[in-house]
Amino acid sequence: MFVRVKVTPNSPRKSVQIVASLRVGDKVRQKIVRYIGVAQNDEELEELKLLAESIKIQMEAGSQQL
């Protein structure tokens, strides 16, 4: 899993998502595991990225306890 920042064309908005890479046949697909939010500026973007990293760590720790 990794944190992805998608930029909206012609807009200052940036979406923050937690994404997992899955192999389907011989291709790699990306599945959005959790949508974190939309940042309007760089300050909000940094906060959302930190939040996404902490959620990702919790999700990975939870999946290893199985």
PDB file of N, CA and C in Angstrom:
ATOM      1  N   MET A   1       0.841  -1.179   0.000  1.00  0.00           N
ATOM      2  CA  MET A   1       0.000   0.000   0.000  1.00  0.00           C
ATOM      3  C   MET A   1       0.887   1.244   0.000  1.00  0.00           C
ATOM      4  N   PHE A   2       0.341   2.289  -0.554  1.00  0.00           N
ATOM      5  CA  PHE A   2       1.059   3.554  -0.565  1.00  0.00           C
ATOM      6  C   PHE A   2       0.052   4.700  -0.597  1.00  0.00           C
ATOM      7  N   VAL A   3       0.541   5.896  -0.278  1.00  0.00           N
ATOM      8  CA  VAL A   3      -0.286   7.101  -0.291  1.00  0.00           C
ATOM      9  C   VAL A   3      -0.108   7.767  -1.648  1.00  0.00           C
ATOM     10  N   ARG A   4      -1.237   8.051  -2.316  1.00  0.00           N
ATOM     11  CA  ARG A   4      -1.197   8.694  -3.631  1.00  0.00           C
ATOM     12  C   ARG A   4      -1.860  10.063  -3.534  1.00  0.00           C
ATOM     13  N   VAL A   5      -1.250  11.042  -4.196  1.00  0.00           N
ATOM     14  CA  VAL A   5      -1.823  12.385  -4.299  1.00  0.00           C
ATOM     15  C   VAL A   5      -2.180  12.600  -5.763  1.00  0.00           C
ATOM     16  N   LYS A   6      -3.464  12.780  -6.032  1.00  0.00           N
ATOM     17  CA  LYS A   6      -3.920  13.023  -7.403  1.00  0.00           C
ATOM     18  C   LYS A   6      -4.243  14.501  -7.557  1.00  0.00           C
ATOM     19  N   VAL A   7      -3.716  15.087  -8.613  1.00  0.00           N
ATOM     20  CA  VAL A   7      -3.913  16.507  -8.885  1.00  0.00           C
ATOM     21  C   VAL A   7      -5.093  16.665  -9.835  1.00  0.00           C
ATOM     22  N   THR A   8      -6.005  17.574  -9.492  1.00  0.00           N
ATOM     23  CA  THR A   8      -7.136  17.887 -10.356  1.00  0.00           C
ATOM     24  C   THR A   8      -6.679  18.899 -11.408  1.00  0.00           C
ATOM     25  N   PRO A   9      -6.875  18.598 -12.695  1.00  0.00           N
ATOM     26  CA  PRO A   9      -6.436  19.537 -13.734  1.00  0.00           C
ATOM     27  C   PRO A   9      -7.146  20.892 -13.617  1.00  0.00           C
ATOM     28  N   ASN A  10      -6.400  21.949 -13.850  1.00  0.00           N
ATOM     29  CA  ASN A  10      -6.936  23.321 -13.842  1.00  0.00           C
ATOM     30  C   ASN A  10      -7.581  23.702 -12.515  1.00  0.00           C
ATOM     31  N   SER A  11      -7.106  23.118 -11.421  1.00  0.00           N
ATOM     32  CA  SER A  11      -7.667  23.411 -10.113  1.00  0.00           C
ATOM     33  C   SER A  11      -6.559  23.257  -9.069  1.00  0.00           C
ATOM     34  N   PRO A  12      -6.650  24.000  -7.979  1.00  0.00           N
ATOM     35  CA  PRO A  12      -5.634  23.850  -6.930  1.00  0.00           C
ATOM     36  C   PRO A  12      -5.883  22.644  -6.023  1.00  0.00           C
ATOM     37  N   ARG A  13      -6.961  21.916  -6.251  1.00  0.00           N
ATOM     38  CA  ARG A  13      -7.324  20.801  -5.366  1.00  0.00           C
ATOM     39  C   ARG A  13      -6.469  19.564  -5.636  1.00  0.00           C
ATOM     40  N   LYS A  14      -6.142  18.852  -4.542  1.00  0.00           N
ATOM     41  CA  LYS A  14      -5.374  17.614  -4.640  1.00  0.00           C
ATOM     42  C   LYS A  14      -6.035  16.577  -3.742  1.00  0.00           C
ATOM     43  N   SER A  15      -6.323  15.409  -4.295  1.00  0.00           N
ATOM     44  CA  SER A  15      -6.954  14.328  -3.545  1.00  0.00           C
ATOM     45  C   SER A  15      -5.884  13.420  -2.958  1.00  0.00           C
ATOM     46  N   VAL A  16      -6.097  13.000  -1.711  1.00  0.00           N
ATOM     47  CA  VAL A  16      -5.172  12.090  -1.043  1.00  0.00           C
ATOM     48  C   VAL A  16      -5.894  10.761  -0.848  1.00  0.00           C
ATOM     49  N   GLN A  17      -5.243   9.672  -1.280  1.00  0.00           N
ATOM     50  CA  GLN A  17      -5.842   8.341  -1.229  1.00  0.00           C
ATOM     51  C   GLN A  17      -4.801   7.338  -0.748  1.00  0.00           C
ATOM     52  N   ILE A  18      -5.283   6.254  -0.117  1.00  0.00           N
ATOM     53  CA  ILE A  18      -4.433   5.108   0.182  1.00  0.00           C
ATOM     54  C   ILE A  18      -4.758   4.066  -0.875  1.00  0.00           C
ATOM     55  N   VAL A  19      -3.725   3.594  -1.573  1.00  0.00           N
ATOM     56  CA  VAL A  19      -3.906   2.732  -2.738  1.00  0.00           C
ATOM     57  C   VAL A  19      -3.109   1.450  -2.552  1.00  0.00           C
ATOM     58  N   ALA A  20      -3.692   0.327  -2.997  1.00  0.00           N
ATOM     59  CA  ALA A  20      -2.993  -0.958  -3.003  1.00  0.00           C
ATOM     60  C   ALA A  20      -2.785  -1.390  -4.443  1.00  0.00           C
ATOM     61  N   SER A  21      -1.620  -1.946  -4.729  1.00  0.00           N
ATOM     62  CA  SER A  21      -1.328  -2.469  -6.064  1.00  0.00           C
ATOM     63  C   SER A  21      -1.661  -3.953  -6.086  1.00  0.00           C
ATOM     64  N   LEU A  22      -2.476  -4.361  -7.047  1.00  0.00           N
ATOM     65  CA  LEU A  22      -2.894  -5.754  -7.181  1.00  0.00           C
ATOM     66  C   LEU A  22      -2.499  -6.257  -8.557  1.00  0.00           C
ATOM     67  N   ARG A  23      -1.989  -7.473  -8.627  1.00  0.00           N
ATOM     68  CA  ARG A  23      -1.641  -8.065  -9.911  1.00  0.00           C
ATOM     69  C   ARG A  23      -2.831  -8.879 -10.402  1.00  0.00           C
ATOM     70  N   VAL A  24      -3.315  -8.545 -11.597  1.00  0.00           N
ATOM     71  CA  VAL A  24      -4.413  -9.254 -12.247  1.00  0.00           C
ATOM     72  C   VAL A  24      -3.856  -9.790 -13.561  1.00  0.00           C
ATOM     73  N   GLY A  25      -3.615 -11.101 -13.592  1.00  0.00           N
ATOM     74  CA  GLY A  25      -2.976 -11.673 -14.767  1.00  0.00           C
ATOM     75  C   GLY A  25      -1.556 -11.160 -14.863  1.00  0.00           C
ATOM     76  N   ASP A  26      -1.228 -10.526 -15.967  1.00  0.00           N
ATOM     77  CA  ASP A  26       0.114  -9.972 -16.126  1.00  0.00           C
ATOM     78  C   ASP A  26       0.137  -8.451 -15.989  1.00  0.00           C
ATOM     79  N   LYS A  27      -0.965  -7.875 -15.523  1.00  0.00           N
ATOM     80  CA  LYS A  27      -1.053  -6.422 -15.356  1.00  0.00           C
ATOM     81  C   LYS A  27      -1.170  -6.063 -13.877  1.00  0.00           C
ATOM     82  N   VAL A  28      -0.721  -4.868 -13.549  1.00  0.00           N
ATOM     83  CA  VAL A  28      -0.835  -4.362 -12.185  1.00  0.00           C
ATOM     84  C   VAL A  28      -1.959  -3.340 -12.150  1.00  0.00           C
ATOM     85  N   ARG A  29      -2.913  -3.553 -11.247  1.00  0.00           N
ATOM     86  CA  ARG A  29      -4.038  -2.629 -11.071  1.00  0.00           C
ATOM     87  C   ARG A  29      -3.887  -1.939  -9.725  1.00  0.00           C
ATOM     88  N   GLN A  30      -4.394  -0.730  -9.644  1.00  0.00           N
ATOM     89  CA  GLN A  30      -4.375  -0.007  -8.383  1.00  0.00           C
ATOM     90  C   GLN A  30      -5.801   0.125  -7.873  1.00  0.00           C
ATOM     91  N   LYS A  31      -5.990  -0.266  -6.615  1.00  0.00           N
ATOM     92  CA  LYS A  31      -7.310  -0.200  -5.993  1.00  0.00           C
ATOM     93  C   LYS A  31      -7.251   0.806  -4.846  1.00  0.00           C
ATOM     94  N   ILE A  32      -8.214   1.722  -4.828  1.00  0.00           N
ATOM     95  CA  ILE A  32      -8.286   2.699  -3.741  1.00  0.00           C
ATOM     96  C   ILE A  32      -8.829   1.980  -2.513  1.00  0.00           C
ATOM     97  N   VAL A  33      -8.008   1.916  -1.471  1.00  0.00           N
ATOM     98  CA  VAL A  33      -8.389   1.245  -0.236  1.00  0.00           C
ATOM     99  C   VAL A  33      -9.145   2.207   0.672  1.00  0.00           C
ATOM    100  N   ARG A  34      -8.656   3.454   0.744  1.00  0.00           N
ATOM    101  CA  ARG A  34      -9.298   4.449   1.593  1.00  0.00           C
ATOM    102  C   ARG A  34      -9.101   5.819   0.980  1.00  0.00           C
ATOM    103  N   TYR A  35     -10.180   6.576   0.878  1.00  0.00           N
ATOM    104  CA  TYR A  35     -10.128   7.956   0.397  1.00  0.00           C
ATOM    105  C   TYR A  35      -9.971   8.840   1.623  1.00  0.00           C
ATOM    106  N   ILE A  36      -8.946   9.684   1.648  1.00  0.00           N
ATOM    107  CA  ILE A  36      -8.655  10.499   2.827  1.00  0.00           C
ATOM    108  C   ILE A  36      -9.304  11.870   2.748  1.00  0.00           C
ATOM    109  N   GLY A  37      -9.170  12.573   1.632  1.00  0.00           N
ATOM    110  CA  GLY A  37      -9.788  13.884   1.520  1.00  0.00           C
ATOM    111  C   GLY A  37      -9.172  14.720   0.414  1.00  0.00           C
ATOM    112  N   VAL A  38      -9.622  15.987   0.342  1.00  0.00           N
ATOM    113  CA  VAL A  38      -9.165  16.920  -0.686  1.00  0.00           C
ATOM    114  C   VAL A  38      -8.477  18.098  -0.009  1.00  0.00           C
ATOM    115  N   ALA A  39      -7.286  18.435  -0.502  1.00  0.00           N
ATOM    116  CA  ALA A  39      -6.530  19.570   0.024  1.00  0.00           C
ATOM    117  C   ALA A  39      -6.667  20.751  -0.926  1.00  0.00           C
ATOM    118  N   GLN A  40      -6.897  21.918  -0.355  1.00  0.00           N
ATOM    119  CA  GLN A  40      -7.001  23.140  -1.151  1.00  0.00           C
ATOM    120  C   GLN A  40      -5.662  23.863  -1.262  1.00  0.00           C
ATOM    121  N   ASN A  41      -4.760  23.616  -0.283  1.00  0.00           N
ATOM    122  CA  ASN A  41      -3.456  24.286  -0.302  1.00  0.00           C
ATOM    123  C   ASN A  41      -2.385  23.325   0.223  1.00  0.00           C
ATOM    124  N   ASP A  42      -1.143  23.778   0.223  1.00  0.00           N
ATOM    125  CA  ASP A  42      -0.027  22.915   0.619  1.00  0.00           C
ATOM    126  C   ASP A  42      -0.084  22.524   2.093  1.00  0.00           C
ATOM    127  N   GLU A  43      -0.583  23.417   2.926  1.00  0.00           N
ATOM    128  CA  GLU A  43      -0.687  23.129   4.356  1.00  0.00           C
ATOM    129  C   GLU A  43      -1.657  21.974   4.602  1.00  0.00           C
ATOM    130  N   GLU A  44      -2.829  22.038   3.983  1.00  0.00           N
ATOM    131  CA  GLU A  44      -3.813  20.961   4.111  1.00  0.00           C
ATOM    132  C   GLU A  44      -3.278  19.663   3.512  1.00  0.00           C
ATOM    133  N   LEU A  45      -2.530  19.780   2.423  1.00  0.00           N
ATOM    134  CA  LEU A  45      -1.973  18.595   1.772  1.00  0.00           C
ATOM    135  C   LEU A  45      -1.031  17.852   2.716  1.00  0.00           C
ATOM    136  N   GLU A  46      -0.165  18.574   3.404  1.00  0.00           N
ATOM    137  CA  GLU A  46       0.767  17.942   4.340  1.00  0.00           C
ATOM    138  C   GLU A  46       0.020  17.262   5.485  1.00  0.00           C
ATOM    139  N   GLU A  47      -1.038  17.907   6.004  1.00  0.00           N
ATOM    140  CA  GLU A  47      -1.828  17.314   7.083  1.00  0.00           C
ATOM    141  C   GLU A  47      -2.506  16.030   6.620  1.00  0.00           C
ATOM    142  N   LEU A  48      -3.081  16.054   5.423  1.00  0.00           N
ATOM    143  CA  LEU A  48      -3.758  14.865   4.904  1.00  0.00           C
ATOM    144  C   LEU A  48      -2.768  13.738   4.619  1.00  0.00           C
ATOM    145  N   LYS A  49      -1.579  14.079   4.155  1.00  0.00           N
ATOM    146  CA  LYS A  49      -0.572  13.046   3.902  1.00  0.00           C
ATOM    147  C   LYS A  49      -0.124  12.392   5.205  1.00  0.00           C
ATOM    148  N   LEU A  50       0.043  13.181   6.257  1.00  0.00           N
ATOM    149  CA  LEU A  50       0.400  12.614   7.561  1.00  0.00           C
ATOM    150  C   LEU A  50      -0.717  11.720   8.090  1.00  0.00           C
ATOM    151  N   LEU A  51      -1.957  12.169   7.945  1.00  0.00           N
ATOM    152  CA  LEU A  51      -3.101  11.364   8.366  1.00  0.00           C
ATOM    153  C   LEU A  51      -3.153  10.056   7.585  1.00  0.00           C
ATOM    154  N   ALA A  52      -2.942  10.130   6.288  1.00  0.00           N
ATOM    155  CA  ALA A  52      -2.974   8.937   5.444  1.00  0.00           C
ATOM    156  C   ALA A  52      -1.878   7.954   5.845  1.00  0.00           C
ATOM    157  N   GLU A  53      -0.693   8.447   6.138  1.00  0.00           N
ATOM    158  CA  GLU A  53       0.405   7.565   6.556  1.00  0.00           C
ATOM    159  C   GLU A  53       0.062   6.858   7.860  1.00  0.00           C
ATOM    160  N   SER A  54      -0.529   7.578   8.818  1.00  0.00           N
ATOM    161  CA  SER A  54      -0.872   6.947  10.095  1.00  0.00           C
ATOM    162  C   SER A  54      -1.983   5.913   9.912  1.00  0.00           C
ATOM    163  N   ILE A  55      -2.963   6.190   9.069  1.00  0.00           N
ATOM    164  CA  ILE A  55      -4.030   5.224   8.798  1.00  0.00           C
ATOM    165  C   ILE A  55      -3.456   4.000   8.093  1.00  0.00           C
ATOM    166  N   LYS A  56      -2.548   4.217   7.156  1.00  0.00           N
ATOM    167  CA  LYS A  56      -1.919   3.109   6.428  1.00  0.00           C
ATOM    168  C   LYS A  56      -1.162   2.196   7.387  1.00  0.00           C
ATOM    169  N   ILE A  57      -0.432   2.772   8.327  1.00  0.00           N
ATOM    170  CA  ILE A  57       0.320   1.983   9.310  1.00  0.00           C
ATOM    171  C   ILE A  57      -0.633   1.167  10.169  1.00  0.00           C
ATOM    172  N   GLN A  58      -1.745   1.772  10.597  1.00  0.00           N
ATOM    173  CA  GLN A  58      -2.738   1.047  11.393  1.00  0.00           C
ATOM    174  C   GLN A  58      -3.354  -0.094  10.599  1.00  0.00           C
ATOM    175  N   MET A  59      -3.652   0.137   9.334  1.00  0.00           N
ATOM    176  CA  MET A  59      -4.246  -0.898   8.496  1.00  0.00           C
ATOM    177  C   MET A  59      -3.266  -2.051   8.286  1.00  0.00           C
ATOM    178  N   GLU A  60      -2.000  -1.743   8.052  1.00  0.00           N
ATOM    179  CA  GLU A  60      -0.997  -2.782   7.852  1.00  0.00           C
ATOM    180  C   GLU A  60      -0.768  -3.571   9.132  1.00  0.00           C
ATOM    181  N   ALA A  61      -0.771  -2.904  10.281  1.00  0.00           N
ATOM    182  CA  ALA A  61      -0.593  -3.597  11.555  1.00  0.00           C
ATOM    183  C   ALA A  61      -1.791  -4.497  11.842  1.00  0.00           C
ATOM    184  N   GLY A  62      -2.985  -4.032  11.501  1.00  0.00           N
ATOM    185  CA  GLY A  62      -4.189  -4.836  11.714  1.00  0.00           C
ATOM    186  C   GLY A  62      -4.234  -6.063  10.834  1.00  0.00           C
ATOM    187  N   SER A  63      -3.741  -5.962   9.612  1.00  0.00           N
ATOM    188  CA  SER A  63      -3.765  -7.111   8.706  1.00  0.00           C
ATOM    189  C   SER A  63      -2.708  -8.141   9.084  1.00  0.00           C
ATOM    190  N   GLN A  64      -1.652  -7.746   9.778  1.00  0.00           N
ATOM    191  CA  GLN A  64      -0.614  -8.687  10.179  1.00  0.00           C
ATOM    192  C   GLN A  64      -1.009  -9.469  11.420  1.00  0.00           C
ATOM    193  N   GLN A  65      -2.007  -9.003  12.164  1.00  0.00           N
ATOM    194  CA  GLN A  65      -2.427  -9.684  13.380  1.00  0.00           C
ATOM    195  C   GLN A  65      -3.312 -10.885  13.100  1.00  0.00           C
ATOM    196  N   LEU A  66      -3.750 -11.060  11.868  1.00  0.00           N
ATOM    197  CA  LEU A  66      -4.629 -12.178  11.528  1.00  0.00           C
ATOM    198  C   LEU A  66      -3.959 -13.474  11.654  1.00  0.00           C
TER     199      LEU A  66
END
